[in-house]
Amino acid sequence: MKNKKFTAELKNKSVDELNKELVQAKRELFNLRFQNATNQLDNTSRISDVRRNIARIKTIITQKEKGIS
């Protein structure tokens, strides 16, 4: 349910907003990887969640650029 809501919110945003969201997600992923390397990260599953969110954002950007839904 949480993923469907996230995806629905992304579909309502413009391509510029999605690109900003993508940059934020990549920055968060970098920080999580850095914390993981220094053994400061408690919830390692957050890395895979952020990676999936990045993929969702990229997919919606591609759909909007091609005019799909």
N, C-alpha and C. Protein backbone atom coordinates (compact mmCIF):
# COMPACT_ATOMS: atom_id res chain seq x y z
N MET A 1 0.81 -1.19 0.00
CA MET A 1 0.00 0.00 0.00
C MET A 1 0.86 1.26 0.00
N LYS A 2 1.93 1.25 0.74
CA LYS A 2 2.78 2.43 0.83
C LYS A 2 3.42 2.72 -0.53
N ASN A 3 3.78 1.67 -1.26
CA ASN A 3 4.42 1.85 -2.56
C ASN A 3 3.45 2.42 -3.58
N LYS A 4 2.20 1.99 -3.53
CA LYS A 4 1.21 2.51 -4.47
C LYS A 4 0.96 3.98 -4.23
N LYS A 5 0.93 4.37 -2.97
CA LYS A 5 0.73 5.78 -2.63
C LYS A 5 1.92 6.61 -3.11
N PHE A 6 3.12 6.09 -2.89
CA PHE A 6 4.34 6.78 -3.33
C PHE A 6 4.33 6.95 -4.84
N THR A 7 3.97 5.90 -5.56
CA THR A 7 3.93 5.94 -7.01
C THR A 7 2.87 6.92 -7.51
N ALA A 8 1.72 6.93 -6.86
CA ALA A 8 0.66 7.86 -7.24
C ALA A 8 1.10 9.30 -7.04
N GLU A 9 1.82 9.57 -5.95
CA GLU A 9 2.33 10.92 -5.71
C GLU A 9 3.34 11.31 -6.78
N LEU A 10 4.17 10.36 -7.19
CA LEU A 10 5.17 10.66 -8.22
C LEU A 10 4.51 10.97 -9.56
N LYS A 11 3.44 10.29 -9.88
CA LYS A 11 2.78 10.50 -11.17
C LYS A 11 2.16 11.88 -11.26
N ASN A 12 1.86 12.50 -10.12
CA ASN A 12 1.26 13.83 -10.12
C ASN A 12 2.30 14.94 -10.23
N LYS A 13 3.57 14.62 -10.19
CA LYS A 13 4.63 15.62 -10.24
C LYS A 13 5.11 15.82 -11.67
N SER A 14 5.72 16.99 -11.90
CA SER A 14 6.28 17.28 -13.22
C SER A 14 7.65 16.61 -13.34
N VAL A 15 8.19 16.64 -14.54
CA VAL A 15 9.49 16.01 -14.79
C VAL A 15 10.58 16.72 -13.99
N ASP A 16 10.50 18.05 -13.88
CA ASP A 16 11.50 18.80 -13.11
C ASP A 16 11.45 18.40 -11.63
N GLU A 17 10.25 18.27 -11.10
CA GLU A 17 10.11 17.85 -9.70
C GLU A 17 10.63 16.43 -9.51
N LEU A 18 10.38 15.58 -10.48
CA LEU A 18 10.87 14.20 -10.40
C LEU A 18 12.39 14.15 -10.44
N ASN A 19 12.99 15.02 -11.25
CA ASN A 19 14.45 15.06 -11.30
C ASN A 19 15.03 15.53 -9.97
N LYS A 20 14.38 16.48 -9.33
CA LYS A 20 14.82 16.93 -8.00
C LYS A 20 14.68 15.80 -6.98
N GLU A 21 13.57 15.08 -7.08
CA GLU A 21 13.34 13.93 -6.19
C GLU A 21 14.40 12.86 -6.41
N LEU A 22 14.78 12.66 -7.67
CA LEU A 22 15.81 11.68 -8.01
C LEU A 22 17.16 12.06 -7.41
N VAL A 23 17.50 13.32 -7.49
CA VAL A 23 18.77 13.78 -6.92
C VAL A 23 18.77 13.56 -5.41
N GLN A 24 17.67 13.87 -4.75
CA GLN A 24 17.57 13.66 -3.30
C GLN A 24 17.71 12.19 -2.95
N ALA A 25 17.07 11.33 -3.73
CA ALA A 25 17.13 9.90 -3.45
C ALA A 25 18.54 9.37 -3.65
N LYS A 26 19.22 9.84 -4.68
CA LYS A 26 20.60 9.40 -4.91
C LYS A 26 21.52 9.88 -3.79
N ARG A 27 21.27 11.09 -3.31
CA ARG A 27 22.07 11.62 -2.20
C ARG A 27 21.84 10.79 -0.94
N GLU A 28 20.57 10.43 -0.72
CA GLU A 28 20.24 9.60 0.44
C GLU A 28 20.91 8.23 0.33
N LEU A 29 20.91 7.65 -0.87
CA LEU A 29 21.55 6.35 -1.08
C LEU A 29 23.05 6.45 -0.80
N PHE A 30 23.68 7.52 -1.26
CA PHE A 30 25.10 7.71 -1.00
C PHE A 30 25.37 7.76 0.51
N ASN A 31 24.55 8.53 1.22
CA ASN A 31 24.73 8.65 2.67
C ASN A 31 24.52 7.31 3.37
N LEU A 32 23.53 6.55 2.92
CA LEU A 32 23.28 5.24 3.52
C LEU A 32 24.45 4.29 3.28
N ARG A 33 24.99 4.32 2.07
CA ARG A 33 26.14 3.46 1.77
C ARG A 33 27.34 3.85 2.62
N PHE A 34 27.52 5.15 2.79
CA PHE A 34 28.64 5.63 3.60
C PHE A 34 28.46 5.19 5.06
N GLN A 35 27.26 5.31 5.59
CA GLN A 35 26.98 4.87 6.96
C GLN A 35 27.18 3.37 7.09
N ASN A 36 26.80 2.62 6.07
CA ASN A 36 26.96 1.18 6.10
C ASN A 36 28.45 0.80 6.12
N ALA A 37 29.25 1.53 5.36
CA ALA A 37 30.68 1.24 5.30
C ALA A 37 31.37 1.53 6.62
N THR A 38 30.85 2.50 7.36
CA THR A 38 31.46 2.86 8.64
C THR A 38 30.75 2.20 9.82
N ASN A 39 29.91 1.22 9.52
CA ASN A 39 29.17 0.46 10.54
C ASN A 39 28.29 1.33 11.43
N GLN A 40 27.71 2.38 10.88
CA GLN A 40 26.81 3.24 11.63
C GLN A 40 25.35 3.02 11.24
N LEU A 41 25.10 2.21 10.23
CA LEU A 41 23.74 2.01 9.73
C LEU A 41 23.08 0.85 10.47
N ASP A 42 21.94 1.14 11.09
CA ASP A 42 21.20 0.11 11.82
C ASP A 42 20.24 -0.66 10.91
N ASN A 43 19.53 0.05 10.06
CA ASN A 43 18.52 -0.56 9.20
C ASN A 43 19.07 -0.69 7.78
N THR A 44 19.71 -1.80 7.48
CA THR A 44 20.33 -1.98 6.17
C THR A 44 19.30 -2.20 5.06
N SER A 45 18.09 -2.55 5.41
CA SER A 45 17.07 -2.75 4.38
C SER A 45 16.65 -1.42 3.75
N ARG A 46 16.98 -0.33 4.40
CA ARG A 46 16.66 1.00 3.85
C ARG A 46 17.40 1.24 2.54
N ILE A 47 18.58 0.64 2.39
CA ILE A 47 19.35 0.80 1.15
C ILE A 47 18.56 0.25 -0.03
N SER A 48 18.01 -0.94 0.11
CA SER A 48 17.25 -1.53 -0.99
C SER A 48 15.95 -0.78 -1.24
N ASP A 49 15.35 -0.24 -0.19
CA ASP A 49 14.14 0.57 -0.37
C ASP A 49 14.43 1.82 -1.20
N VAL A 50 15.52 2.47 -0.90
CA VAL A 50 15.88 3.68 -1.64
C VAL A 50 16.23 3.34 -3.08
N ARG A 51 16.91 2.22 -3.29
CA ARG A 51 17.24 1.80 -4.66
C ARG A 51 15.97 1.54 -5.47
N ARG A 52 14.99 0.92 -4.86
CA ARG A 52 13.72 0.67 -5.55
C ARG A 52 13.00 1.98 -5.85
N ASN A 53 13.06 2.92 -4.89
CA ASN A 53 12.43 4.22 -5.12
C ASN A 53 13.09 4.96 -6.28
N ILE A 54 14.41 4.85 -6.38
CA ILE A 54 15.12 5.47 -7.49
C ILE A 54 14.65 4.87 -8.81
N ALA A 55 14.50 3.56 -8.84
CA ALA A 55 14.01 2.89 -10.05
C ALA A 55 12.59 3.33 -10.40
N ARG A 56 11.75 3.49 -9.38
CA ARG A 56 10.38 3.96 -9.62
C ARG A 56 10.38 5.37 -10.21
N ILE A 57 11.20 6.23 -9.65
CA ILE A 57 11.28 7.61 -10.14
C ILE A 57 11.76 7.63 -11.58
N LYS A 58 12.80 6.86 -11.89
CA LYS A 58 13.32 6.82 -13.26
C LYS A 58 12.28 6.29 -14.23
N THR A 59 11.53 5.29 -13.80
CA THR A 59 10.49 4.72 -14.67
C THR A 59 9.42 5.75 -14.99
N ILE A 60 9.00 6.50 -14.00
CA ILE A 60 7.94 7.50 -14.23
C ILE A 60 8.47 8.64 -15.08
N ILE A 61 9.73 9.03 -14.89
CA ILE A 61 10.32 10.06 -15.75
C ILE A 61 10.31 9.60 -17.20
N THR A 62 10.71 8.37 -17.44
CA THR A 62 10.72 7.82 -18.79
C THR A 62 9.31 7.78 -19.38
N GLN A 63 8.34 7.38 -18.59
CA GLN A 63 6.96 7.33 -19.06
C GLN A 63 6.46 8.71 -19.45
N LYS A 64 6.77 9.70 -18.64
CA LYS A 64 6.31 11.06 -18.93
C LYS A 64 7.00 11.61 -20.18
N GLU A 65 8.28 11.30 -20.35
CA GLU A 65 8.98 11.78 -21.53
C GLU A 65 8.47 11.15 -22.81
N LYS A 66 8.04 9.90 -22.73
CA LYS A 66 7.52 9.20 -23.90
C LYS A 66 6.02 9.41 -24.08
N GLY A 67 5.38 10.04 -23.10
CA GLY A 67 3.95 10.31 -23.19
C GLY A 67 3.08 9.14 -22.85
N ILE A 68 3.61 8.21 -22.08
CA ILE A 68 2.84 7.04 -21.66
C ILE A 68 2.16 7.36 -20.34
N SER A 69 0.88 7.19 -20.29
CA SER A 69 0.04 7.46 -19.11
C SER A 69 0.47 8.69 -18.39
